[in-house]
Structures are given as C-alpha cells and as structure tokens.
Amino acid sequence: MLKLLVVFALLAIVVSLFSGLWFLYRDRGGGGRTVRALTWRIGLSISLFILLLAAFRLGLIPGYSQ
C-alpha cells in the first residue's frame, strides 16, 4: 500500500512539473499558473518526504543495518 502511494505521489510531482513547463511555454512567462503548478510540486515533494520519514519512524520502512 505504501509503495503504491509513493508511486502515485511521484507521478503527481512529475505531472505538476510538466504542467508548470507547459504553462511557462503557453503564457510566455507572464502568468500565475506556472507559479501555482510549481508551488504544488514543492508541496507534494515536501509531503512525500514527510510521509516517508513518518513511515520510517513507525517501522513501516526497514532501516539499513550491517
């Protein structure tokens, strides 16, 4: 379940990144849609990081041991 959530989050981040590129191209850099799309990407990336950190702390992701 966690793997599927991570994959969907990564796909959403990539889609947001490319939508920001698309809006940058279409609006010639003068629109707020690019900023909004890239802000979503940053928010999704931070959320994914926090999710992975919490999953590690809860023991859902095993740590590395030698």
PDB file of N, CA and C in Angstrom:
ATOM      1  N   MET A   1       0.823  -1.197   0.000  1.00  0.00           N
ATOM      2  CA  MET A   1       0.000   0.000   0.000  1.00  0.00           C
ATOM      3  C   MET A   1       0.863   1.256   0.000  1.00  0.00           C
ATOM      4  N   LEU A   2       1.916   1.242   0.807  1.00  0.00           N
ATOM      5  CA  LEU A   2       2.798   2.403   0.883  1.00  0.00           C
ATOM      6  C   LEU A   2       3.531   2.621  -0.438  1.00  0.00           C
ATOM      7  N   LYS A   3       3.934   1.513  -1.081  1.00  0.00           N
ATOM      8  CA  LYS A   3       4.628   1.630  -2.362  1.00  0.00           C
ATOM      9  C   LYS A   3       3.734   2.274  -3.411  1.00  0.00           C
ATOM     10  N   LEU A   4       2.478   1.888  -3.421  1.00  0.00           N
ATOM     11  CA  LEU A   4       1.534   2.444  -4.374  1.00  0.00           C
ATOM     12  C   LEU A   4       1.322   3.943  -4.127  1.00  0.00           C
ATOM     13  N   LEU A   5       1.238   4.332  -2.876  1.00  0.00           N
ATOM     14  CA  LEU A   5       1.081   5.739  -2.524  1.00  0.00           C
ATOM     15  C   LEU A   5       2.298   6.553  -2.954  1.00  0.00           C
ATOM     16  N   VAL A   6       3.480   6.002  -2.768  1.00  0.00           N
ATOM     17  CA  VAL A   6       4.708   6.690  -3.172  1.00  0.00           C
ATOM     18  C   VAL A   6       4.763   6.836  -4.690  1.00  0.00           C
ATOM     19  N   VAL A   7       4.375   5.793  -5.409  1.00  0.00           N
ATOM     20  CA  VAL A   7       4.381   5.861  -6.872  1.00  0.00           C
ATOM     21  C   VAL A   7       3.400   6.924  -7.361  1.00  0.00           C
ATOM     22  N   PHE A   8       2.198   6.956  -6.791  1.00  0.00           N
ATOM     23  CA  PHE A   8       1.224   7.976  -7.182  1.00  0.00           C
ATOM     24  C   PHE A   8       1.711   9.381  -6.839  1.00  0.00           C
ATOM     25  N   ALA A   9       2.363   9.543  -5.710  1.00  0.00           N
ATOM     26  CA  ALA A   9       2.897  10.859  -5.332  1.00  0.00           C
ATOM     27  C   ALA A   9       3.989  11.291  -6.304  1.00  0.00           C
ATOM     28  N   LEU A  10       4.861  10.362  -6.679  1.00  0.00           N
ATOM     29  CA  LEU A  10       5.907  10.702  -7.648  1.00  0.00           C
ATOM     30  C   LEU A  10       5.318  11.056  -9.008  1.00  0.00           C
ATOM     31  N   LEU A  11       4.295  10.336  -9.426  1.00  0.00           N
ATOM     32  CA  LEU A  11       3.627  10.666 -10.689  1.00  0.00           C
ATOM     33  C   LEU A  11       2.972  12.043 -10.620  1.00  0.00           C
ATOM     34  N   ALA A  12       2.359  12.365  -9.496  1.00  0.00           N
ATOM     35  CA  ALA A  12       1.742  13.681  -9.332  1.00  0.00           C
ATOM     36  C   ALA A  12       2.794  14.781  -9.363  1.00  0.00           C
ATOM     37  N   ILE A  13       3.956  14.524  -8.792  1.00  0.00           N
ATOM     38  CA  ILE A  13       5.045  15.509  -8.814  1.00  0.00           C
ATOM     39  C   ILE A  13       5.520  15.737 -10.240  1.00  0.00           C
ATOM     40  N   VAL A  14       5.683  14.662 -11.003  1.00  0.00           N
ATOM     41  CA  VAL A  14       6.139  14.792 -12.393  1.00  0.00           C
ATOM     42  C   VAL A  14       5.086  15.504 -13.239  1.00  0.00           C
ATOM     43  N   VAL A  15       3.811  15.173 -13.044  1.00  0.00           N
ATOM     44  CA  VAL A  15       2.741  15.843 -13.784  1.00  0.00           C
ATOM     45  C   VAL A  15       2.720  17.331 -13.463  1.00  0.00           C
ATOM     46  N   SER A  16       2.881  17.674 -12.206  1.00  0.00           N
ATOM     47  CA  SER A  16       2.907  19.077 -11.808  1.00  0.00           C
ATOM     48  C   SER A  16       4.102  19.805 -12.415  1.00  0.00           C
ATOM     49  N   LEU A  17       5.235  19.130 -12.466  1.00  0.00           N
ATOM     50  CA  LEU A  17       6.425  19.736 -13.059  1.00  0.00           C
ATOM     51  C   LEU A  17       6.204  20.027 -14.540  1.00  0.00           C
ATOM     52  N   PHE A  18       5.649  19.062 -15.266  1.00  0.00           N
ATOM     53  CA  PHE A  18       5.425  19.267 -16.687  1.00  0.00           C
ATOM     54  C   PHE A  18       4.286  20.240 -16.965  1.00  0.00           C
ATOM     55  N   SER A  19       3.300  20.311 -16.075  1.00  0.00           N
ATOM     56  CA  SER A  19       2.263  21.319 -16.270  1.00  0.00           C
ATOM     57  C   SER A  19       2.833  22.718 -16.049  1.00  0.00           C
ATOM     58  N   GLY A  20       3.768  22.848 -15.114  1.00  0.00           N
ATOM     59  CA  GLY A  20       4.443  24.135 -14.940  1.00  0.00           C
ATOM     60  C   GLY A  20       5.232  24.524 -16.175  1.00  0.00           C
ATOM     61  N   LEU A  21       5.898  23.557 -16.783  1.00  0.00           N
ATOM     62  CA  LEU A  21       6.627  23.810 -18.026  1.00  0.00           C
ATOM     63  C   LEU A  21       5.672  24.203 -19.134  1.00  0.00           C
ATOM     64  N   TRP A  22       4.552  23.516 -19.212  1.00  0.00           N
ATOM     65  CA  TRP A  22       3.544  23.811 -20.240  1.00  0.00           C
ATOM     66  C   TRP A  22       2.998  25.222 -20.061  1.00  0.00           C
ATOM     67  N   PHE A  23       2.652  25.603 -18.830  1.00  0.00           N
ATOM     68  CA  PHE A  23       2.122  26.939 -18.581  1.00  0.00           C
ATOM     69  C   PHE A  23       3.184  28.006 -18.836  1.00  0.00           C
ATOM     70  N   LEU A  24       4.434  27.704 -18.540  1.00  0.00           N
ATOM     71  CA  LEU A  24       5.518  28.643 -18.816  1.00  0.00           C
ATOM     72  C   LEU A  24       5.630  28.894 -20.315  1.00  0.00           C
ATOM     73  N   TYR A  25       5.503  27.849 -21.086  1.00  0.00           N
ATOM     74  CA  TYR A  25       5.581  27.972 -22.538  1.00  0.00           C
ATOM     75  C   TYR A  25       4.362  28.699 -23.097  1.00  0.00           C
ATOM     76  N   ARG A  26       3.165  28.329 -22.636  1.00  0.00           N
ATOM     77  CA  ARG A  26       1.933  28.907 -23.180  1.00  0.00           C
ATOM     78  C   ARG A  26       1.742  30.370 -22.774  1.00  0.00           C
ATOM     79  N   ASP A  27       2.071  30.705 -21.542  1.00  0.00           N
ATOM     80  CA  ASP A  27       1.842  32.071 -21.046  1.00  0.00           C
ATOM     81  C   ASP A  27       3.033  32.985 -21.286  1.00  0.00           C
ATOM     82  N   ARG A  28       4.087  32.455 -21.871  1.00  0.00           N
ATOM     83  CA  ARG A  28       5.318  33.227 -22.140  1.00  0.00           C
ATOM     84  C   ARG A  28       5.918  33.808 -20.866  1.00  0.00           C
ATOM     85  N   GLY A  29       5.747  33.104 -19.761  1.00  0.00           N
ATOM     86  CA  GLY A  29       6.355  33.512 -18.500  1.00  0.00           C
ATOM     87  C   GLY A  29       5.614  34.616 -17.767  1.00  0.00           C
ATOM     88  N   GLY A  30       4.443  35.007 -18.252  1.00  0.00           N
ATOM     89  CA  GLY A  30       3.746  36.126 -17.636  1.00  0.00           C
ATOM     90  C   GLY A  30       2.512  35.744 -16.840  1.00  0.00           C
ATOM     91  N   GLY A  31       2.320  34.477 -16.572  1.00  0.00           N
ATOM     92  CA  GLY A  31       1.105  34.061 -15.872  1.00  0.00           C
ATOM     93  C   GLY A  31       1.386  33.508 -14.494  1.00  0.00           C
ATOM     94  N   GLY A  32       0.351  33.467 -13.699  1.00  0.00           N
ATOM     95  CA  GLY A  32       0.486  32.921 -12.361  1.00  0.00           C
ATOM     96  C   GLY A  32       0.289  31.420 -12.313  1.00  0.00           C
ATOM     97  N   ARG A  33      -0.151  30.846 -13.441  1.00  0.00           N
ATOM     98  CA  ARG A  33      -0.392  29.406 -13.460  1.00  0.00           C
ATOM     99  C   ARG A  33       0.899  28.613 -13.301  1.00  0.00           C
ATOM    100  N   THR A  34       1.986  29.140 -13.831  1.00  0.00           N
ATOM    101  CA  THR A  34       3.273  28.462 -13.695  1.00  0.00           C
ATOM    102  C   THR A  34       3.691  28.403 -12.232  1.00  0.00           C
ATOM    103  N   VAL A  35       3.570  29.511 -11.557  1.00  0.00           N
ATOM    104  CA  VAL A  35       3.939  29.583 -10.139  1.00  0.00           C
ATOM    105  C   VAL A  35       3.067  28.648  -9.313  1.00  0.00           C
ATOM    106  N   ARG A  36       1.779  28.611  -9.619  1.00  0.00           N
ATOM    107  CA  ARG A  36       0.863  27.741  -8.888  1.00  0.00           C
ATOM    108  C   ARG A  36       1.211  26.264  -9.109  1.00  0.00           C
ATOM    109  N   ALA A  37       1.528  25.886 -10.353  1.00  0.00           N
ATOM    110  CA  ALA A  37       1.878  24.491 -10.641  1.00  0.00           C
ATOM    111  C   ALA A  37       3.174  24.096  -9.935  1.00  0.00           C
ATOM    112  N   LEU A  38       4.142  24.982  -9.930  1.00  0.00           N
ATOM    113  CA  LEU A  38       5.417  24.667  -9.276  1.00  0.00           C
ATOM    114  C   LEU A  38       5.279  24.689  -7.751  1.00  0.00           C
ATOM    115  N   THR A  39       4.375  25.518  -7.237  1.00  0.00           N
ATOM    116  CA  THR A  39       4.099  25.505  -5.805  1.00  0.00           C
ATOM    117  C   THR A  39       3.470  24.177  -5.395  1.00  0.00           C
ATOM    118  N   TRP A  40       2.581  23.649  -6.238  1.00  0.00           N
ATOM    119  CA  TRP A  40       2.008  22.326  -5.980  1.00  0.00           C
ATOM    120  C   TRP A  40       3.099  21.267  -5.965  1.00  0.00           C
ATOM    121  N   ARG A  41       4.054  21.386  -6.891  1.00  0.00           N
ATOM    122  CA  ARG A  41       5.138  20.407  -6.946  1.00  0.00           C
ATOM    123  C   ARG A  41       5.961  20.434  -5.672  1.00  0.00           C
ATOM    124  N   ILE A  42       6.257  21.614  -5.190  1.00  0.00           N
ATOM    125  CA  ILE A  42       7.030  21.736  -3.951  1.00  0.00           C
ATOM    126  C   ILE A  42       6.241  21.170  -2.773  1.00  0.00           C
ATOM    127  N   GLY A  43       4.954  21.486  -2.709  1.00  0.00           N
ATOM    128  CA  GLY A  43       4.114  20.961  -1.629  1.00  0.00           C
ATOM    129  C   GLY A  43       4.014  19.444  -1.661  1.00  0.00           C
ATOM    130  N   LEU A  44       3.860  18.885  -2.855  1.00  0.00           N
ATOM    131  CA  LEU A  44       3.802  17.430  -2.978  1.00  0.00           C
ATOM    132  C   LEU A  44       5.128  16.783  -2.592  1.00  0.00           C
ATOM    133  N   SER A  45       6.228  17.408  -2.977  1.00  0.00           N
ATOM    134  CA  SER A  45       7.542  16.853  -2.639  1.00  0.00           C
ATOM    135  C   SER A  45       7.783  16.864  -1.135  1.00  0.00           C
ATOM    136  N   ILE A  46       7.427  17.948  -0.485  1.00  0.00           N
ATOM    137  CA  ILE A  46       7.592  18.038   0.963  1.00  0.00           C
ATOM    138  C   ILE A  46       6.668  17.040   1.662  1.00  0.00           C
ATOM    139  N   SER A  47       5.448  16.902   1.168  1.00  0.00           N
ATOM    140  CA  SER A  47       4.511  15.939   1.753  1.00  0.00           C
ATOM    141  C   SER A  47       5.018  14.514   1.610  1.00  0.00           C
ATOM    142  N   LEU A  48       5.583  14.192   0.451  1.00  0.00           N
ATOM    143  CA  LEU A  48       6.130  12.853   0.245  1.00  0.00           C
ATOM    144  C   LEU A  48       7.303  12.598   1.180  1.00  0.00           C
ATOM    145  N   PHE A  49       8.152  13.585   1.358  1.00  0.00           N
ATOM    146  CA  PHE A  49       9.288  13.446   2.266  1.00  0.00           C
ATOM    147  C   PHE A  49       8.810  13.196   3.696  1.00  0.00           C
ATOM    148  N   ILE A  50       7.815  13.956   4.134  1.00  0.00           N
ATOM    149  CA  ILE A  50       7.282  13.786   5.488  1.00  0.00           C
ATOM    150  C   ILE A  50       6.623  12.417   5.639  1.00  0.00           C
ATOM    151  N   LEU A  51       5.908  11.974   4.601  1.00  0.00           N
ATOM    152  CA  LEU A  51       5.292  10.657   4.631  1.00  0.00           C
ATOM    153  C   LEU A  51       6.342   9.556   4.761  1.00  0.00           C
ATOM    154  N   LEU A  52       7.411   9.640   3.980  1.00  0.00           N
ATOM    155  CA  LEU A  52       8.465   8.637   4.052  1.00  0.00           C
ATOM    156  C   LEU A  52       9.182   8.671   5.400  1.00  0.00           C
ATOM    157  N   LEU A  53       9.402   9.858   5.927  1.00  0.00           N
ATOM    158  CA  LEU A  53      10.043   9.985   7.231  1.00  0.00           C
ATOM    159  C   LEU A  53       9.160   9.380   8.332  1.00  0.00           C
ATOM    160  N   ALA A  54       7.860   9.654   8.288  1.00  0.00           N
ATOM    161  CA  ALA A  54       6.945   9.100   9.279  1.00  0.00           C
ATOM    162  C   ALA A  54       6.858   7.577   9.149  1.00  0.00           C
ATOM    163  N   ALA A  55       6.833   7.069   7.912  1.00  0.00           N
ATOM    164  CA  ALA A  55       6.772   5.617   7.705  1.00  0.00           C
ATOM    165  C   ALA A  55       8.030   4.950   8.238  1.00  0.00           C
ATOM    166  N   PHE A  56       9.165   5.589   8.086  1.00  0.00           N
ATOM    167  CA  PHE A  56      10.408   5.040   8.618  1.00  0.00           C
ATOM    168  C   PHE A  56      10.385   5.021  10.143  1.00  0.00           C
ATOM    169  N   ARG A  57       9.927   6.123  10.738  1.00  0.00           N
ATOM    170  CA  ARG A  57       9.887   6.211  12.203  1.00  0.00           C
ATOM    171  C   ARG A  57       8.879   5.233  12.811  1.00  0.00           C
ATOM    172  N   LEU A  58       7.815   4.920  12.070  1.00  0.00           N
ATOM    173  CA  LEU A  58       6.815   3.969  12.554  1.00  0.00           C
ATOM    174  C   LEU A  58       7.192   2.530  12.267  1.00  0.00           C
ATOM    175  N   GLY A  59       8.279   2.315  11.575  1.00  0.00           N
ATOM    176  CA  GLY A  59       8.745   0.964  11.297  1.00  0.00           C
ATOM    177  C   GLY A  59       8.154   0.329  10.054  1.00  0.00           C
ATOM    178  N   LEU A  60       7.446   1.112   9.244  1.00  0.00           N
ATOM    179  CA  LEU A  60       6.861   0.580   8.014  1.00  0.00           C
ATOM    180  C   LEU A  60       7.926   0.388   6.927  1.00  0.00           C
ATOM    181  N   ILE A  61       9.011   1.143   7.043  1.00  0.00           N
ATOM    182  CA  ILE A  61      10.136   1.019   6.123  1.00  0.00           C
ATOM    183  C   ILE A  61      11.318   0.555   6.955  1.00  0.00           C
ATOM    184  N   PRO A  62      11.885  -0.597   6.618  1.00  0.00           N
ATOM    185  CA  PRO A  62      13.028  -1.087   7.419  1.00  0.00           C
ATOM    186  C   PRO A  62      14.274  -0.247   7.195  1.00  0.00           C
ATOM    187  N   GLY A  63      15.059  -0.102   8.239  1.00  0.00           N
ATOM    188  CA  GLY A  63      16.307   0.635   8.153  1.00  0.00           C
ATOM    189  C   GLY A  63      17.435  -0.226   7.627  1.00  0.00           C
ATOM    190  N   TYR A  64      18.530   0.390   7.327  1.00  0.00           N
ATOM    191  CA  TYR A  64      19.698  -0.295   6.814  1.00  0.00           C
ATOM    192  C   TYR A  64      20.559  -0.741   7.991  1.00  0.00           C
ATOM    193  N   SER A  65      20.951  -1.996   8.005  1.00  0.00           N
ATOM    194  CA  SER A  65      21.840  -2.500   9.063  1.00  0.00           C
ATOM    195  C   SER A  65      22.870  -3.427   8.457  1.00  0.00           C
ATOM    196  N   GLN A  66      24.042  -3.440   9.046  1.00  0.00           N
ATOM    197  CA  GLN A  66      25.126  -4.276   8.515  1.00  0.00           C
ATOM    198  C   GLN A  66      25.328  -5.471   9.372  1.00  0.00           C
TER     199      GLN A  66
END
